[in-house]
């Protein structure tokens, strides 16, 4: 596949992930079904179903990583070249920023909008953020659940797996991860997904962004290191 097509696909997929997932957290969570909106389950489904939809849309083109932690883990596992890893990560970050930009334009379309702390579905931790979990809990959650997520990806895309079911299994795994981790960090497990909203929200979201880059990448690298124990590829 032509490299530019793969990179465009990764940018488009990450754009959709941020727009659907963070859009559900930002818009649908407060504008439907009363003050509670769609709630934790609805937001979790939005992220998971976005991955399922993109897996079957761009998967044949790029593999549908739409997550720098996945691309870097694939590099470490010898499944992606350095050139494509760089191209994928740059495209994912651009797509995430574009998705957050469109979400910002939509959010500002309501009367009296002011950007809240950790706005646009930004990730974070500490006092004032969802369950007010501390940094240690946030770091552990993002590392462990990214590790599990990427182990699912390695398993479902192995040579003896069913490729037709991979996108669905990965999307379901992401739903489950969100159900647990949203109260702790809002769930990143994806540095690009965190980058886009943080750039527009600023403040605490931007100052805490480092954790949502470091922990998911570390979790992905750990998954790449142990995959041989579980995955026949």
C-alpha atoms as a PDB file:
ATOM      1  CA  UNK A   1       0.000   0.000   0.000  1.00  0.00           C
ATOM      2  CA  UNK A   2       1.240   3.496  -0.872  1.00  0.00           C
ATOM      3  CA  UNK A   3       2.708   5.167   2.225  1.00  0.00           C
ATOM      4  CA  UNK A   4       0.766   8.407   1.802  1.00  0.00           C
ATOM      5  CA  UNK A   5      -2.497   6.456   1.688  1.00  0.00           C
ATOM      6  CA  UNK A   6      -1.608   4.658   4.906  1.00  0.00           C
ATOM      7  CA  UNK A   7      -0.696   7.883   6.671  1.00  0.00           C
ATOM      8  CA  UNK A   8      -3.863   9.614   5.491  1.00  0.00           C
ATOM      9  CA  UNK A   9      -5.905   6.655   6.716  1.00  0.00           C
ATOM     10  CA  UNK A  10      -4.291   6.853  10.148  1.00  0.00           C
ATOM     11  CA  UNK A  11      -4.987  10.574  10.358  1.00  0.00           C
ATOM     12  CA  UNK A  12      -8.594  10.095   9.294  1.00  0.00           C
ATOM     13  CA  UNK A  13      -9.148   7.247  11.737  1.00  0.00           C
ATOM     14  CA  UNK A  14      -7.730   9.189  14.676  1.00  0.00           C
ATOM     15  CA  UNK A  15      -9.776  12.230  13.660  1.00  0.00           C
ATOM     16  CA  UNK A  16     -12.918  10.084  13.820  1.00  0.00           C
ATOM     17  CA  UNK A  17     -11.945   8.503  17.141  1.00  0.00           C
ATOM     18  CA  UNK A  18     -11.481  11.872  18.838  1.00  0.00           C
ATOM     19  CA  UNK A  19     -14.569  13.396  17.274  1.00  0.00           C
ATOM     20  CA  UNK A  20     -16.831  10.471  18.175  1.00  0.00           C
ATOM     21  CA  UNK A  21     -15.359   9.609  21.563  1.00  0.00           C
ATOM     22  CA  UNK A  22     -14.516  13.018  22.959  1.00  0.00           C
ATOM     23  CA  UNK A  23     -17.616  14.406  21.244  1.00  0.00           C
ATOM     24  CA  UNK A  24     -19.759  11.969  23.224  1.00  0.00           C
ATOM     25  CA  UNK A  25     -18.021  13.036  26.432  1.00  0.00           C
ATOM     26  CA  UNK A  26     -18.330  16.737  25.638  1.00  0.00           C
ATOM     27  CA  UNK A  27     -21.659  17.156  23.873  1.00  0.00           C
ATOM     28  CA  UNK A  28     -23.883  14.097  24.237  1.00  0.00           C
ATOM     29  CA  UNK A  29     -23.071  13.632  27.911  1.00  0.00           C
ATOM     30  CA  UNK A  30     -24.761  16.928  28.816  1.00  0.00           C
ATOM     31  CA  UNK A  31     -27.285  17.571  26.068  1.00  0.00           C
ATOM     32  CA  UNK A  32     -29.346  14.380  26.086  1.00  0.00           C
ATOM     33  CA  UNK A  33     -31.280  12.409  28.683  1.00  0.00           C
ATOM     34  CA  UNK A  34     -31.148  15.170  31.258  1.00  0.00           C
ATOM     35  CA  UNK A  35     -28.133  16.377  33.271  1.00  0.00           C
ATOM     36  CA  UNK A  36     -26.574  12.918  33.397  1.00  0.00           C
ATOM     37  CA  UNK A  37     -26.563  12.619  29.604  1.00  0.00           C
ATOM     38  CA  UNK A  38     -25.443   9.333  28.090  1.00  0.00           C
ATOM     39  CA  UNK A  39     -23.277   8.511  31.098  1.00  0.00           C
ATOM     40  CA  UNK A  40     -20.228   6.331  31.503  1.00  0.00           C
ATOM     41  CA  UNK A  41     -21.617   3.454  29.440  1.00  0.00           C
ATOM     42  CA  UNK A  42     -22.547   5.717  26.539  1.00  0.00           C
ATOM     43  CA  UNK A  43     -19.125   7.351  26.416  1.00  0.00           C
ATOM     44  CA  UNK A  44     -17.419   3.957  26.659  1.00  0.00           C
ATOM     45  CA  UNK A  45     -19.500   2.661  23.770  1.00  0.00           C
ATOM     46  CA  UNK A  46     -18.724   5.750  21.691  1.00  0.00           C
ATOM     47  CA  UNK A  47     -14.978   5.149  21.928  1.00  0.00           C
ATOM     48  CA  UNK A  48     -15.250   1.402  21.381  1.00  0.00           C
ATOM     49  CA  UNK A  49     -17.661   1.608  18.475  1.00  0.00           C
ATOM     50  CA  UNK A  50     -15.541   4.318  16.846  1.00  0.00           C
ATOM     51  CA  UNK A  51     -12.632   1.873  16.832  1.00  0.00           C
ATOM     52  CA  UNK A  52     -14.832  -0.902  15.407  1.00  0.00           C
ATOM     53  CA  UNK A  53     -16.094   1.367  12.623  1.00  0.00           C
ATOM     54  CA  UNK A  54     -12.616   2.589  11.738  1.00  0.00           C
ATOM     55  CA  UNK A  55     -11.130  -0.919  11.899  1.00  0.00           C
ATOM     56  CA  UNK A  56     -13.399  -2.011   9.076  1.00  0.00           C
ATOM     57  CA  UNK A  57     -13.021   1.299   7.211  1.00  0.00           C
ATOM     58  CA  UNK A  58      -9.263   1.840   7.193  1.00  0.00           C
ATOM     59  CA  UNK A  59      -7.974  -1.478   8.533  1.00  0.00           C
ATOM     60  CA  UNK A  60      -7.319  -2.863   5.052  1.00  0.00           C
ATOM     61  CA  UNK A  61      -5.284   0.257   4.249  1.00  0.00           C
ATOM     62  CA  UNK A  62      -3.160   0.913   7.328  1.00  0.00           C
ATOM     63  CA  UNK A  63      -4.090  -1.698   9.923  1.00  0.00           C
ATOM     64  CA  UNK A  64      -6.040   0.960  11.851  1.00  0.00           C
ATOM     65  CA  UNK A  65      -3.605   1.718  14.651  1.00  0.00           C
ATOM     66  CA  UNK A  66      -4.985   5.249  15.265  1.00  0.00           C
ATOM     67  CA  UNK A  67      -2.868   5.284  18.427  1.00  0.00           C
ATOM     68  CA  UNK A  68       0.869   6.056  18.783  1.00  0.00           C
ATOM     69  CA  UNK A  69       1.183   3.506  21.594  1.00  0.00           C
ATOM     70  CA  UNK A  70       0.068   0.776  19.198  1.00  0.00           C
ATOM     71  CA  UNK A  71       2.363   1.898  16.385  1.00  0.00           C
ATOM     72  CA  UNK A  72       5.384   2.107  18.712  1.00  0.00           C
ATOM     73  CA  UNK A  73       4.564  -1.323  20.171  1.00  0.00           C
ATOM     74  CA  UNK A  74       4.350  -2.725  16.627  1.00  0.00           C
ATOM     75  CA  UNK A  75       7.743  -1.185  15.882  1.00  0.00           C
ATOM     76  CA  UNK A  76       9.207  -2.835  18.973  1.00  0.00           C
ATOM     77  CA  UNK A  77       7.629  -6.142  17.934  1.00  0.00           C
ATOM     78  CA  UNK A  78       9.180  -5.911  14.476  1.00  0.00           C
ATOM     79  CA  UNK A  79       5.835  -5.518  12.737  1.00  0.00           C
ATOM     80  CA  UNK A  80       6.259  -1.918  11.560  1.00  0.00           C
ATOM     81  CA  UNK A  81       9.222  -0.096  10.038  1.00  0.00           C
ATOM     82  CA  UNK A  82      10.749   2.978  11.637  1.00  0.00           C
ATOM     83  CA  UNK A  83       9.700   5.062   8.632  1.00  0.00           C
ATOM     84  CA  UNK A  84       6.070   3.979   8.880  1.00  0.00           C
ATOM     85  CA  UNK A  85       6.074   4.364  12.661  1.00  0.00           C
ATOM     86  CA  UNK A  86       7.127   7.998  12.346  1.00  0.00           C
ATOM     87  CA  UNK A  87       4.590   8.575   9.572  1.00  0.00           C
ATOM     88  CA  UNK A  88       1.813   6.891  11.535  1.00  0.00           C
ATOM     89  CA  UNK A  89       2.483   8.802  14.766  1.00  0.00           C
ATOM     90  CA  UNK A  90       2.667  12.179  13.036  1.00  0.00           C
ATOM     91  CA  UNK A  91      -0.530  11.452  11.107  1.00  0.00           C
ATOM     92  CA  UNK A  92      -2.314  10.259  14.250  1.00  0.00           C
ATOM     93  CA  UNK A  93      -1.381  13.411  16.139  1.00  0.00           C
ATOM     94  CA  UNK A  94      -2.497  15.641  13.271  1.00  0.00           C
ATOM     95  CA  UNK A  95      -5.784  13.745  13.016  1.00  0.00           C
ATOM     96  CA  UNK A  96      -6.378  14.013  16.754  1.00  0.00           C
ATOM     97  CA  UNK A  97      -5.719  17.765  16.754  1.00  0.00           C
ATOM     98  CA  UNK A  98      -8.050  18.214  13.780  1.00  0.00           C
ATOM     99  CA  UNK A  99     -10.753  16.173  15.512  1.00  0.00           C
ATOM    100  CA  UNK A 100     -10.422  18.235  18.679  1.00  0.00           C
ATOM    101  CA  UNK A 101     -10.528  21.405  16.571  1.00  0.00           C
ATOM    102  CA  UNK A 102     -13.833  20.431  14.978  1.00  0.00           C
ATOM    103  CA  UNK A 103     -15.178  19.469  18.410  1.00  0.00           C
ATOM    104  CA  UNK A 104     -14.120  22.882  19.742  1.00  0.00           C
ATOM    105  CA  UNK A 105     -16.005  24.619  16.939  1.00  0.00           C
ATOM    106  CA  UNK A 106     -19.101  22.567  17.722  1.00  0.00           C
ATOM    107  CA  UNK A 107     -18.850  23.138  21.474  1.00  0.00           C
ATOM    108  CA  UNK A 108     -18.494  26.900  21.060  1.00  0.00           C
ATOM    109  CA  UNK A 109     -21.706  26.948  19.040  1.00  0.00           C
ATOM    110  CA  UNK A 110     -23.800  27.031  22.200  1.00  0.00           C
ATOM    111  CA  UNK A 111     -24.648  30.277  23.995  1.00  0.00           C
ATOM    112  CA  UNK A 112     -22.405  31.167  26.908  1.00  0.00           C
ATOM    113  CA  UNK A 113     -19.747  28.535  26.255  1.00  0.00           C
ATOM    114  CA  UNK A 114     -16.639  28.787  28.389  1.00  0.00           C
ATOM    115  CA  UNK A 115     -13.860  26.230  28.266  1.00  0.00           C
ATOM    116  CA  UNK A 116     -13.967  24.245  31.516  1.00  0.00           C
ATOM    117  CA  UNK A 117     -10.884  22.831  33.186  1.00  0.00           C
ATOM    118  CA  UNK A 118     -10.075  19.563  31.379  1.00  0.00           C
ATOM    119  CA  UNK A 119     -12.533  20.544  28.633  1.00  0.00           C
ATOM    120  CA  UNK A 120     -13.328  18.697  25.387  1.00  0.00           C
ATOM    121  CA  UNK A 121     -12.984  15.290  27.013  1.00  0.00           C
ATOM    122  CA  UNK A 122      -9.400  15.901  28.141  1.00  0.00           C
ATOM    123  CA  UNK A 123      -7.662  13.359  30.312  1.00  0.00           C
ATOM    124  CA  UNK A 124      -6.456  14.212  33.797  1.00  0.00           C
ATOM    125  CA  UNK A 125      -6.326  13.287  37.452  1.00  0.00           C
ATOM    126  CA  UNK A 126      -6.420  14.819  40.937  1.00  0.00           C
ATOM    127  CA  UNK A 127      -8.757  17.159  42.784  1.00  0.00           C
ATOM    128  CA  UNK A 128     -11.515  18.473  40.565  1.00  0.00           C
ATOM    129  CA  UNK A 129     -11.211  15.718  37.970  1.00  0.00           C
ATOM    130  CA  UNK A 130     -13.991  13.108  37.990  1.00  0.00           C
ATOM    131  CA  UNK A 131     -13.145  10.617  40.788  1.00  0.00           C
ATOM    132  CA  UNK A 132     -10.223  12.741  42.078  1.00  0.00           C
ATOM    133  CA  UNK A 133      -7.770   9.825  41.863  1.00  0.00           C
ATOM    134  CA  UNK A 134      -4.114  10.629  42.503  1.00  0.00           C
ATOM    135  CA  UNK A 135      -1.244  10.579  40.024  1.00  0.00           C
ATOM    136  CA  UNK A 136      -0.091   7.121  41.089  1.00  0.00           C
ATOM    137  CA  UNK A 137      -3.491   5.622  40.329  1.00  0.00           C
ATOM    138  CA  UNK A 138      -3.584   7.436  36.985  1.00  0.00           C
ATOM    139  CA  UNK A 139      -0.121   6.193  36.035  1.00  0.00           C
ATOM    140  CA  UNK A 140      -0.855   2.604  36.994  1.00  0.00           C
ATOM    141  CA  UNK A 141      -4.231   2.590  35.234  1.00  0.00           C
ATOM    142  CA  UNK A 142      -2.879   3.975  31.978  1.00  0.00           C
ATOM    143  CA  UNK A 143       0.106   1.619  31.962  1.00  0.00           C
ATOM    144  CA  UNK A 144      -1.782  -1.548  32.881  1.00  0.00           C
ATOM    145  CA  UNK A 145      -4.822  -1.017  30.676  1.00  0.00           C
ATOM    146  CA  UNK A 146      -2.725  -0.006  27.672  1.00  0.00           C
ATOM    147  CA  UNK A 147      -0.709  -3.171  28.183  1.00  0.00           C
ATOM    148  CA  UNK A 148      -3.896  -5.268  28.242  1.00  0.00           C
ATOM    149  CA  UNK A 149      -5.346  -3.422  25.255  1.00  0.00           C
ATOM    150  CA  UNK A 150      -2.293  -4.023  23.100  1.00  0.00           C
ATOM    151  CA  UNK A 151      -2.085  -7.654  24.199  1.00  0.00           C
ATOM    152  CA  UNK A 152      -5.624  -8.020  22.836  1.00  0.00           C
ATOM    153  CA  UNK A 153      -4.466  -6.436  19.573  1.00  0.00           C
ATOM    154  CA  UNK A 154      -1.474  -8.767  19.289  1.00  0.00           C
ATOM    155  CA  UNK A 155      -3.687 -11.772  19.990  1.00  0.00           C
ATOM    156  CA  UNK A 156      -6.528 -10.881  17.644  1.00  0.00           C
ATOM    157  CA  UNK A 157      -4.187 -10.046  14.760  1.00  0.00           C
ATOM    158  CA  UNK A 158      -1.932 -13.100  15.133  1.00  0.00           C
ATOM    159  CA  UNK A 159      -1.624 -15.534  12.221  1.00  0.00           C
ATOM    160  CA  UNK A 160      -3.892 -18.135  13.815  1.00  0.00           C
ATOM    161  CA  UNK A 161      -6.610 -15.637  14.795  1.00  0.00           C
ATOM    162  CA  UNK A 162      -9.797 -14.769  12.907  1.00  0.00           C
ATOM    163  CA  UNK A 163      -9.100 -11.489  11.068  1.00  0.00           C
ATOM    164  CA  UNK A 164     -12.795 -10.807  10.461  1.00  0.00           C
ATOM    165  CA  UNK A 165     -13.404 -10.579  14.217  1.00  0.00           C
ATOM    166  CA  UNK A 166     -10.325  -8.552  15.158  1.00  0.00           C
ATOM    167  CA  UNK A 167     -11.956  -5.124  14.845  1.00  0.00           C
ATOM    168  CA  UNK A 168     -14.933  -6.166  16.961  1.00  0.00           C
ATOM    169  CA  UNK A 169     -12.802  -7.751  19.674  1.00  0.00           C
ATOM    170  CA  UNK A 170     -10.524  -4.709  19.867  1.00  0.00           C
ATOM    171  CA  UNK A 171     -13.499  -2.352  20.059  1.00  0.00           C
ATOM    172  CA  UNK A 172     -15.114  -4.398  22.838  1.00  0.00           C
ATOM    173  CA  UNK A 173     -11.828  -4.392  24.754  1.00  0.00           C
ATOM    174  CA  UNK A 174     -11.725  -0.597  24.511  1.00  0.00           C
ATOM    175  CA  UNK A 175     -15.305  -0.357  25.828  1.00  0.00           C
ATOM    176  CA  UNK A 176     -14.357  -2.486  28.837  1.00  0.00           C
ATOM    177  CA  UNK A 177     -11.260  -0.392  29.479  1.00  0.00           C
ATOM    178  CA  UNK A 178     -13.295   2.817  29.429  1.00  0.00           C
ATOM    179  CA  UNK A 179     -15.854   1.400  31.860  1.00  0.00           C
ATOM    180  CA  UNK A 180     -13.110   0.966  34.452  1.00  0.00           C
ATOM    181  CA  UNK A 181     -10.721   3.828  33.719  1.00  0.00           C
ATOM    182  CA  UNK A 182     -13.018   6.787  32.925  1.00  0.00           C
ATOM    183  CA  UNK A 183     -13.461   7.717  36.625  1.00  0.00           C
ATOM    184  CA  UNK A 184      -9.679   7.626  37.126  1.00  0.00           C
ATOM    185  CA  UNK A 185      -8.282   9.483  34.110  1.00  0.00           C
ATOM    186  CA  UNK A 186     -11.093   9.797  31.585  1.00  0.00           C
ATOM    187  CA  UNK A 187      -9.270   6.950  29.774  1.00  0.00           C
ATOM    188  CA  UNK A 188      -6.482   7.699  27.380  1.00  0.00           C
ATOM    189  CA  UNK A 189      -4.495   4.543  26.507  1.00  0.00           C
ATOM    190  CA  UNK A 190      -3.690   6.662  23.442  1.00  0.00           C
ATOM    191  CA  UNK A 191      -1.300   9.641  23.443  1.00  0.00           C
ATOM    192  CA  UNK A 192      -2.837  11.203  20.314  1.00  0.00           C
ATOM    193  CA  UNK A 193      -6.356  11.044  21.772  1.00  0.00           C
ATOM    194  CA  UNK A 194      -5.026  12.972  24.813  1.00  0.00           C
ATOM    195  CA  UNK A 195      -2.976  15.457  22.808  1.00  0.00           C
ATOM    196  CA  UNK A 196      -5.783  16.878  20.663  1.00  0.00           C
ATOM    197  CA  UNK A 197      -8.212  17.964  23.403  1.00  0.00           C
ATOM    198  CA  UNK A 198      -5.397  19.103  25.732  1.00  0.00           C
ATOM    199  CA  UNK A 199      -4.062  21.595  23.185  1.00  0.00           C
ATOM    200  CA  UNK A 200      -7.453  23.319  23.021  1.00  0.00           C
ATOM    201  CA  UNK A 201      -8.366  22.989  26.707  1.00  0.00           C
ATOM    202  CA  UNK A 202      -4.985  24.187  28.011  1.00  0.00           C
ATOM    203  CA  UNK A 203      -4.521  24.574  31.757  1.00  0.00           C
ATOM    204  CA  UNK A 204      -4.366  21.379  33.776  1.00  0.00           C
ATOM    205  CA  UNK A 205      -5.121  19.194  30.756  1.00  0.00           C
ATOM    206  CA  UNK A 206      -1.980  20.440  29.037  1.00  0.00           C
ATOM    207  CA  UNK A 207       0.215  20.335  32.141  1.00  0.00           C
ATOM    208  CA  UNK A 208      -0.800  16.723  32.854  1.00  0.00           C
ATOM    209  CA  UNK A 209      -0.458  15.578  29.242  1.00  0.00           C
ATOM    210  CA  UNK A 210       2.962  14.047  29.854  1.00  0.00           C
ATOM    211  CA  UNK A 211       1.466  11.123  31.802  1.00  0.00           C
ATOM    212  CA  UNK A 212      -0.833  10.233  28.903  1.00  0.00           C
ATOM    213  CA  UNK A 213       2.154  10.090  26.588  1.00  0.00           C
ATOM    214  CA  UNK A 214       4.574   8.226  28.854  1.00  0.00           C
ATOM    215  CA  UNK A 215       2.301   5.627  30.480  1.00  0.00           C
ATOM    216  CA  UNK A 216       0.530   4.332  27.335  1.00  0.00           C
ATOM    217  CA  UNK A 217       3.782   4.076  25.379  1.00  0.00           C
ATOM    218  CA  UNK A 218       5.425   2.243  28.293  1.00  0.00           C
ATOM    219  CA  UNK A 219       2.454  -0.111  28.533  1.00  0.00           C
ATOM    220  CA  UNK A 220       2.630  -0.781  24.809  1.00  0.00           C
ATOM    221  CA  UNK A 221       6.358  -1.509  24.926  1.00  0.00           C
ATOM    222  CA  UNK A 222       5.801  -3.908  27.808  1.00  0.00           C
ATOM    223  CA  UNK A 223       3.133  -5.697  25.775  1.00  0.00           C
ATOM    224  CA  UNK A 224       5.575  -6.000  22.875  1.00  0.00           C
ATOM    225  CA  UNK A 225       8.162  -7.487  25.234  1.00  0.00           C
ATOM    226  CA  UNK A 226       5.876 -10.204  26.604  1.00  0.00           C
ATOM    227  CA  UNK A 227       3.775 -11.007  23.537  1.00  0.00           C
ATOM    228  CA  UNK A 228       5.929 -14.001  22.564  1.00  0.00           C
ATOM    229  CA  UNK A 229       4.770 -15.801  25.708  1.00  0.00           C
ATOM    230  CA  UNK A 230       1.129 -15.674  24.646  1.00  0.00           C
ATOM    231  CA  UNK A 231       0.971 -14.970  20.934  1.00  0.00           C
ATOM    232  CA  UNK A 232       2.046 -17.214  18.073  1.00  0.00           C
ATOM    233  CA  UNK A 233       2.813 -14.771  15.282  1.00  0.00           C
END
